[in-house]
PDB file of N, CA and C in Angstrom:
ATOM      1  N   ASP A   1      -8.051 -14.573 -12.532  1.00  0.00           N
ATOM      2  CA  ASP A   1      -6.851 -15.265 -12.737  1.00  0.00           C
ATOM      3  C   ASP A   1      -5.809 -14.255 -12.381  1.00  0.00           C
ATOM      4  N   GLU A   2      -4.532 -14.956 -12.409  1.00  0.00           N
ATOM      5  CA  GLU A   2      -3.274 -14.019 -12.144  1.00  0.00           C
ATOM      6  C   GLU A   2      -2.948 -13.064 -13.307  1.00  0.00           C
ATOM      7  N   ILE A   3      -3.283 -13.450 -14.496  1.00  0.00           N
ATOM      8  CA  ILE A   3      -3.106 -12.781 -15.650  1.00  0.00           C
ATOM      9  C   ILE A   3      -3.898 -11.279 -15.585  1.00  0.00           C
ATOM     10  N   ALA A   4      -5.205 -11.594 -15.450  1.00  0.00           N
ATOM     11  CA  ALA A   4      -6.158 -10.477 -15.239  1.00  0.00           C
ATOM     12  C   ALA A   4      -5.759  -9.673 -14.164  1.00  0.00           C
ATOM     13  N   ALA A   5      -5.245 -10.259 -13.003  1.00  0.00           N
ATOM     14  CA  ALA A   5      -5.050  -9.352 -11.710  1.00  0.00           C
ATOM     15  C   ALA A   5      -3.862  -8.563 -12.229  1.00  0.00           C
ATOM     16  N   GLU A   6      -2.786  -9.056 -12.805  1.00  0.00           N
ATOM     17  CA  GLU A   6      -1.599  -8.366 -13.311  1.00  0.00           C
ATOM     18  C   GLU A   6      -2.102  -7.181 -14.192  1.00  0.00           C
ATOM     19  N   LYS A   7      -2.896  -7.615 -15.324  1.00  0.00           N
ATOM     20  CA  LYS A   7      -3.286  -6.510 -16.060  1.00  0.00           C
ATOM     21  C   LYS A   7      -4.205  -5.385 -15.529  1.00  0.00           C
ATOM     22  N   ALA A   8      -4.962  -5.744 -14.496  1.00  0.00           N
ATOM     23  CA  ALA A   8      -5.697  -4.611 -13.782  1.00  0.00           C
ATOM     24  C   ALA A   8      -4.747  -3.861 -12.999  1.00  0.00           C
ATOM     25  N   CYS A   9      -3.611  -4.291 -12.457  1.00  0.00           N
ATOM     26  CA  CYS A   9      -2.741  -3.618 -11.707  1.00  0.00           C
ATOM     27  C   CYS A   9      -1.914  -2.522 -12.625  1.00  0.00           C
ATOM     28  N   ASP A  10      -1.657  -3.187 -13.830  1.00  0.00           N
ATOM     29  CA  ASP A  10      -0.862  -2.219 -14.808  1.00  0.00           C
ATOM     30  C   ASP A  10      -1.855  -1.055 -15.360  1.00  0.00           C
ATOM     31  N   GLU A  11      -3.053  -1.296 -15.537  1.00  0.00           N
ATOM     32  CA  GLU A  11      -4.212  -0.499 -16.062  1.00  0.00           C
ATOM     33  C   GLU A  11      -4.154   0.719 -14.975  1.00  0.00           C
ATOM     34  N   MET A  12      -4.226   0.239 -13.597  1.00  0.00           N
ATOM     35  CA  MET A  12      -4.313   1.168 -12.489  1.00  0.00           C
ATOM     36  C   MET A  12      -3.101   2.092 -12.459  1.00  0.00           C
ATOM     37  N   ASP A  13      -1.984   1.524 -12.605  1.00  0.00           N
ATOM     38  CA  ASP A  13      -0.803   2.483 -12.640  1.00  0.00           C
ATOM     39  C   ASP A  13      -0.755   3.198 -13.826  1.00  0.00           C
ATOM     40  N   LYS A  14      -1.295   2.903 -15.123  1.00  0.00           N
ATOM     41  CA  LYS A  14      -1.344   3.739 -16.049  1.00  0.00           C
ATOM     42  C   LYS A  14      -2.341   4.868 -15.832  1.00  0.00           C
ATOM     43  N   PHE A  15      -3.288   4.568 -15.177  1.00  0.00           N
ATOM     44  CA  PHE A  15      -4.300   5.526 -14.906  1.00  0.00           C
ATOM     45  C   PHE A  15      -3.824   6.580 -13.984  1.00  0.00           C
ATOM     46  N   LEU A  16      -3.176   6.121 -12.911  1.00  0.00           N
ATOM     47  CA  LEU A  16      -2.719   6.993 -11.930  1.00  0.00           C
ATOM     48  C   LEU A  16      -1.604   8.025 -12.520  1.00  0.00           C
ATOM     49  N   LYS A  17      -0.817   7.556 -13.352  1.00  0.00           N
ATOM     50  CA  LYS A  17       0.298   8.228 -13.985  1.00  0.00           C
ATOM     51  C   LYS A  17      -0.509   9.512 -14.964  1.00  0.00           C
ATOM     52  N   GLU A  18      -1.573   8.975 -15.644  1.00  0.00           N
ATOM     53  CA  GLU A  18      -2.315   9.828 -16.577  1.00  0.00           C
ATOM     54  C   GLU A  18      -2.976  11.113 -15.665  1.00  0.00           C
ATOM     55  N   VAL A  19      -3.359  10.804 -14.644  1.00  0.00           N
ATOM     56  CA  VAL A  19      -4.071  11.965 -13.843  1.00  0.00           C
ATOM     57  C   VAL A  19      -3.223  12.528 -12.689  1.00  0.00           C
ATOM     58  N   GLY A  20      -1.881  12.151 -12.805  1.00  0.00           N
ATOM     59  CA  GLY A  20      -0.946  12.887 -12.046  1.00  0.00           C
ATOM     60  C   GLY A  20      -0.994  12.446 -10.504  1.00  0.00           C
ATOM     61  N   MET A  21      -1.465  11.242 -10.325  1.00  0.00           N
ATOM     62  CA  MET A  21      -1.393  10.709  -8.828  1.00  0.00           C
ATOM     63  C   MET A  21      -0.447   9.507  -8.696  1.00  0.00           C
ATOM     64  N   TRP A  22       0.424   9.358  -9.629  1.00  0.00           N
ATOM     65  CA  TRP A  22       1.420   8.343  -9.386  1.00  0.00           C
ATOM     66  C   TRP A  22       2.549   8.845  -8.414  1.00  0.00           C
ATOM     67  N   MET A  23       2.476   8.446  -7.375  1.00  0.00           N
ATOM     68  CA  MET A  23       3.321   8.834  -6.212  1.00  0.00           C
ATOM     69  C   MET A  23       3.545   7.813  -5.242  1.00  0.00           C
ATOM     70  N   ASP A  24       4.651   7.966  -4.520  1.00  0.00           N
ATOM     71  CA  ASP A  24       4.942   7.131  -3.400  1.00  0.00           C
ATOM     72  C   ASP A  24       5.071   7.665  -2.133  1.00  0.00           C
ATOM     73  N   PHE A  25       5.566   6.949  -1.140  1.00  0.00           N
ATOM     74  CA  PHE A  25       5.863   7.679   0.272  1.00  0.00           C
ATOM     75  C   PHE A  25       7.077   8.590   0.305  1.00  0.00           C
ATOM     76  N   LYS A  26       8.002   8.199  -0.669  1.00  0.00           N
ATOM     77  CA  LYS A  26       9.024   9.071  -0.676  1.00  0.00           C
ATOM     78  C   LYS A  26       8.831  10.335  -1.342  1.00  0.00           C
ATOM     79  N   ASP A  27       8.121  10.364  -2.499  1.00  0.00           N
ATOM     80  CA  ASP A  27       7.540  11.524  -3.062  1.00  0.00           C
ATOM     81  C   ASP A  27       6.909  12.543  -1.876  1.00  0.00           C
ATOM     82  N   LYS A  28       6.349  11.897  -0.758  1.00  0.00           N
ATOM     83  CA  LYS A  28       5.623  12.761   0.195  1.00  0.00           C
ATOM     84  C   LYS A  28       6.640  13.106   1.258  1.00  0.00           C
ATOM     85  N   ASN A  29       7.860  12.734   1.308  1.00  0.00           N
ATOM     86  CA  ASN A  29       8.839  12.892   2.260  1.00  0.00           C
ATOM     87  C   ASN A  29       8.467  12.047   3.578  1.00  0.00           C
ATOM     88  N   VAL A  30       8.073  10.823   3.303  1.00  0.00           N
ATOM     89  CA  VAL A  30       7.698  10.025   4.528  1.00  0.00           C
ATOM     90  C   VAL A  30       9.061   9.117   4.720  1.00  0.00           C
ATOM     91  N   SER A  31       9.613   9.158   5.646  1.00  0.00           N
ATOM     92  CA  SER A  31      10.844   8.316   5.859  1.00  0.00           C
ATOM     93  C   SER A  31      10.439   6.756   6.146  1.00  0.00           C
ATOM     94  N   GLU A  32      11.436   6.078   5.865  1.00  0.00           N
ATOM     95  CA  GLU A  32      11.137   4.422   5.937  1.00  0.00           C
ATOM     96  C   GLU A  32      10.995   4.110   7.408  1.00  0.00           C
ATOM     97  N   SER A  33      11.550   4.942   8.334  1.00  0.00           N
ATOM     98  CA  SER A  33      11.512   4.754   9.537  1.00  0.00           C
ATOM     99  C   SER A  33       9.863   5.111  10.231  1.00  0.00           C
ATOM    100  N   THR A  34       9.264   5.849   9.509  1.00  0.00           N
ATOM    101  CA  THR A  34       7.878   6.212   9.830  1.00  0.00           C
ATOM    102  C   THR A  34       6.842   4.987   9.358  1.00  0.00           C
ATOM    103  N   LEU A  35       7.349   4.267   8.694  1.00  0.00           N
ATOM    104  CA  LEU A  35       6.378   3.112   8.158  1.00  0.00           C
ATOM    105  C   LEU A  35       6.067   2.179   9.189  1.00  0.00           C
ATOM    106  N   ARG A  36       6.786   1.982  10.169  1.00  0.00           N
ATOM    107  CA  ARG A  36       6.524   1.027  11.279  1.00  0.00           C
ATOM    108  C   ARG A  36       5.254   1.624  12.036  1.00  0.00           C
ATOM    109  N   ASP A  37       5.448   3.086  12.300  1.00  0.00           N
ATOM    110  CA  ASP A  37       4.199   3.884  12.925  1.00  0.00           C
ATOM    111  C   ASP A  37       2.834   3.755  12.139  1.00  0.00           C
ATOM    112  N   ILE A  38       3.022   3.892  10.896  1.00  0.00           N
ATOM    113  CA  ILE A  38       1.945   3.798   9.998  1.00  0.00           C
ATOM    114  C   ILE A  38       1.250   2.478   9.960  1.00  0.00           C
ATOM    115  N   ALA A  39       2.038   1.337  10.004  1.00  0.00           N
ATOM    116  CA  ALA A  39       1.611  -0.030  10.206  1.00  0.00           C
ATOM    117  C   ALA A  39       0.960  -0.143  11.467  1.00  0.00           C
ATOM    118  N   LYS A  40       1.362   0.297  12.557  1.00  0.00           N
ATOM    119  CA  LYS A  40       1.052   0.175  14.000  1.00  0.00           C
ATOM    120  C   LYS A  40      -0.426   0.869  13.902  1.00  0.00           C
ATOM    121  N   ASP A  41      -0.494   2.148  13.334  1.00  0.00           N
ATOM    122  CA  ASP A  41      -1.877   2.973  13.421  1.00  0.00           C
ATOM    123  C   ASP A  41      -2.906   1.952  12.638  1.00  0.00           C
ATOM    124  N   THR A  42      -2.632   1.174  11.734  1.00  0.00           N
ATOM    125  CA  THR A  42      -3.387   0.356  10.667  1.00  0.00           C
ATOM    126  C   THR A  42      -4.452  -0.512  11.759  1.00  0.00           C
ATOM    127  N   PHE A  43      -3.827  -0.917  12.909  1.00  0.00           N
ATOM    128  CA  PHE A  43      -4.746  -1.867  13.839  1.00  0.00           C
ATOM    129  C   PHE A  43      -5.278  -1.198  14.916  1.00  0.00           C
ATOM    130  N   GLN A  44      -5.377   0.258  15.053  1.00  0.00           N
ATOM    131  CA  GLN A  44      -6.031   0.920  16.123  1.00  0.00           C
ATOM    132  C   GLN A  44      -7.411   0.763  16.227  1.00  0.00           C
ATOM    133  N   LEU A  45      -8.079   0.760  15.013  1.00  0.00           N
ATOM    134  CA  LEU A  45      -9.638   0.689  14.953  1.00  0.00           C
ATOM    135  C   LEU A  45      -9.998  -0.777  14.512  1.00  0.00           C
ATOM    136  N   PRO A  46     -10.928  -1.238  15.349  1.00  0.00           N
ATOM    137  CA  PRO A  46     -11.339  -2.759  15.159  1.00  0.00           C
ATOM    138  C   PRO A  46     -11.976  -3.176  13.910  1.00  0.00           C
ATOM    139  N   ASP A  47     -12.233  -2.165  13.021  1.00  0.00           N
ATOM    140  CA  ASP A  47     -12.846  -2.513  11.705  1.00  0.00           C
ATOM    141  C   ASP A  47     -11.929  -3.373  10.757  1.00  0.00           C
ATOM    142  N   TYR A  48     -10.635  -3.173  10.888  1.00  0.00           N
ATOM    143  CA  TYR A  48      -9.861  -3.886  10.029  1.00  0.00           C
ATOM    144  C   TYR A  48     -10.048  -5.562  10.252  1.00  0.00           C
ATOM    145  N   GLU A  49     -10.720  -6.061  11.234  1.00  0.00           N
ATOM    146  CA  GLU A  49     -10.918  -7.422  11.505  1.00  0.00           C
ATOM    147  C   GLU A  49     -12.059  -7.868  10.632  1.00  0.00           C
ATOM    148  N   ASN A  50     -12.873  -6.859   9.881  1.00  0.00           N
ATOM    149  CA  ASN A  50     -13.995  -7.314   9.089  1.00  0.00           C
ATOM    150  C   ASN A  50     -13.553  -7.688   7.680  1.00  0.00           C
ATOM    151  N   HIS A  51     -12.262  -7.572   7.495  1.00  0.00           N
ATOM    152  CA  HIS A  51     -11.923  -8.024   5.963  1.00  0.00           C
ATOM    153  C   HIS A  51     -11.839  -9.300   5.893  1.00  0.00           C
ATOM    154  N   ALA A  52     -11.913  -9.857   4.581  1.00  0.00           N
ATOM    155  CA  ALA A  52     -11.894 -11.273   4.297  1.00  0.00           C
ATOM    156  C   ALA A  52     -10.583 -11.830   4.859  1.00  0.00           C
ATOM    157  N   LYS A  53      -9.453 -11.167   4.577  1.00  0.00           N
ATOM    158  CA  LYS A  53      -8.200 -11.715   4.826  1.00  0.00           C
ATOM    159  C   LYS A  53      -7.656 -10.571   5.894  1.00  0.00           C
ATOM    160  N   VAL A  54      -7.390 -10.909   7.198  1.00  0.00           N
ATOM    161  CA  VAL A  54      -6.885  -9.918   8.043  1.00  0.00           C
ATOM    162  C   VAL A  54      -5.396  -9.949   8.001  1.00  0.00           C
ATOM    163  N   ALA A  55      -4.709  -8.934   7.713  1.00  0.00           N
ATOM    164  CA  ALA A  55      -3.343  -8.885   7.481  1.00  0.00           C
ATOM    165  C   ALA A  55      -2.520  -8.973   8.794  1.00  0.00           C
ATOM    166  N   THR A  56      -1.467  -9.297   8.832  1.00  0.00           N
ATOM    167  CA  THR A  56      -0.592  -9.289  10.063  1.00  0.00           C
ATOM    168  C   THR A  56       0.299  -8.041  10.025  1.00  0.00           C
ATOM    169  N   ALA A  57       0.944  -7.673  11.113  1.00  0.00           N
ATOM    170  CA  ALA A  57       1.710  -6.237  11.064  1.00  0.00           C
ATOM    171  C   ALA A  57       2.949  -6.511  10.127  1.00  0.00           C
ATOM    172  N   ASP A  58       3.450  -7.646  10.080  1.00  0.00           N
ATOM    173  CA  ASP A  58       4.590  -7.931   9.105  1.00  0.00           C
ATOM    174  C   ASP A  58       4.130  -7.699   7.737  1.00  0.00           C
ATOM    175  N   GLU A  59       2.929  -8.070   7.308  1.00  0.00           N
ATOM    176  CA  GLU A  59       2.510  -7.910   6.030  1.00  0.00           C
ATOM    177  C   GLU A  59       2.139  -6.557   5.579  1.00  0.00           C
ATOM    178  N   VAL A  60       1.660  -5.691   6.722  1.00  0.00           N
ATOM    179  CA  VAL A  60       1.371  -4.517   6.331  1.00  0.00           C
ATOM    180  C   VAL A  60       2.683  -3.660   6.104  1.00  0.00           C
ATOM    181  N   ILE A  61       3.632  -3.875   6.980  1.00  0.00           N
ATOM    182  CA  ILE A  61       4.937  -3.426   6.870  1.00  0.00           C
ATOM    183  C   ILE A  61       5.513  -3.510   5.621  1.00  0.00           C
ATOM    184  N   ASP A  62       5.433  -4.735   5.159  1.00  0.00           N
ATOM    185  CA  ASP A  62       6.003  -5.175   3.863  1.00  0.00           C
ATOM    186  C   ASP A  62       5.483  -4.478   2.727  1.00  0.00           C
ATOM    187  N   LEU A  63       4.181  -4.178   2.727  1.00  0.00           N
ATOM    188  CA  LEU A  63       3.372  -3.552   1.732  1.00  0.00           C
ATOM    189  C   LEU A  63       3.778  -2.122   1.835  1.00  0.00           C
ATOM    190  N   LEU A  64       3.811  -1.739   2.896  1.00  0.00           N
ATOM    191  CA  LEU A  64       4.277  -0.124   3.034  1.00  0.00           C
ATOM    192  C   LEU A  64       5.864   0.065   2.371  1.00  0.00           C
ATOM    193  N   LYS A  65       6.543  -0.760   2.774  1.00  0.00           N
ATOM    194  CA  LYS A  65       7.980  -0.772   2.199  1.00  0.00           C
ATOM    195  C   LYS A  65       7.949  -0.847   0.761  1.00  0.00           C
ATOM    196  N   LYS A  66       7.170  -1.706   0.269  1.00  0.00           N
ATOM    197  CA  LYS A  66       7.067  -1.701  -1.204  1.00  0.00           C
ATOM    198  C   LYS A  66       6.490  -0.576  -1.884  1.00  0.00           C
ATOM    199  N   SER A  67       5.637   0.126  -1.187  1.00  0.00           N
ATOM    200  CA  SER A  67       5.095   1.507  -1.490  1.00  0.00           C
ATOM    201  C   SER A  67       5.971   2.696  -1.276  1.00  0.00           C
ATOM    202  N   HIS A  68       7.115   2.582  -0.549  1.00  0.00           N
ATOM    203  CA  HIS A  68       7.989   3.643  -0.219  1.00  0.00           C
ATOM    204  C   HIS A  68       8.676   4.337  -1.408  1.00  0.00           C
ATOM    205  N   GLU A  69       9.177   3.426  -2.284  1.00  0.00           N
ATOM    206  CA  GLU A  69       9.783   3.907  -3.473  1.00  0.00           C
ATOM    207  C   GLU A  69       9.484   2.963  -4.648  1.00  0.00           C
ATOM    208  N   ARG A  70       8.758   3.406  -5.690  1.00  0.00           N
ATOM    209  CA  ARG A  70       8.179   2.476  -6.747  1.00  0.00           C
ATOM    210  C   ARG A  70       9.129   2.679  -7.931  1.00  0.00           C
TER     211      ARG A  70
END
C-alpha cells in the first residue's frame, strides 16, 4: 500500500544517510543540462523493455530532475 511504500522510501533515505551515500547529481557536479543525455543513454540497450513498466523518455527525465538536488 502507499503508506508502506512511503515508509520504505523513508527508511532507505535514512540508511543512505547513515552510510554516507546520501547524494544527488548536484553533489557529483552533474549539470541539469546533462540529464537529457543520461536519459537518452537509458534507452541504448534493449533490456529496458524487459521491465514490467517501460518508462518513457519524459518520465526518465522527470525522475532525473527530481534526483538532481534533493
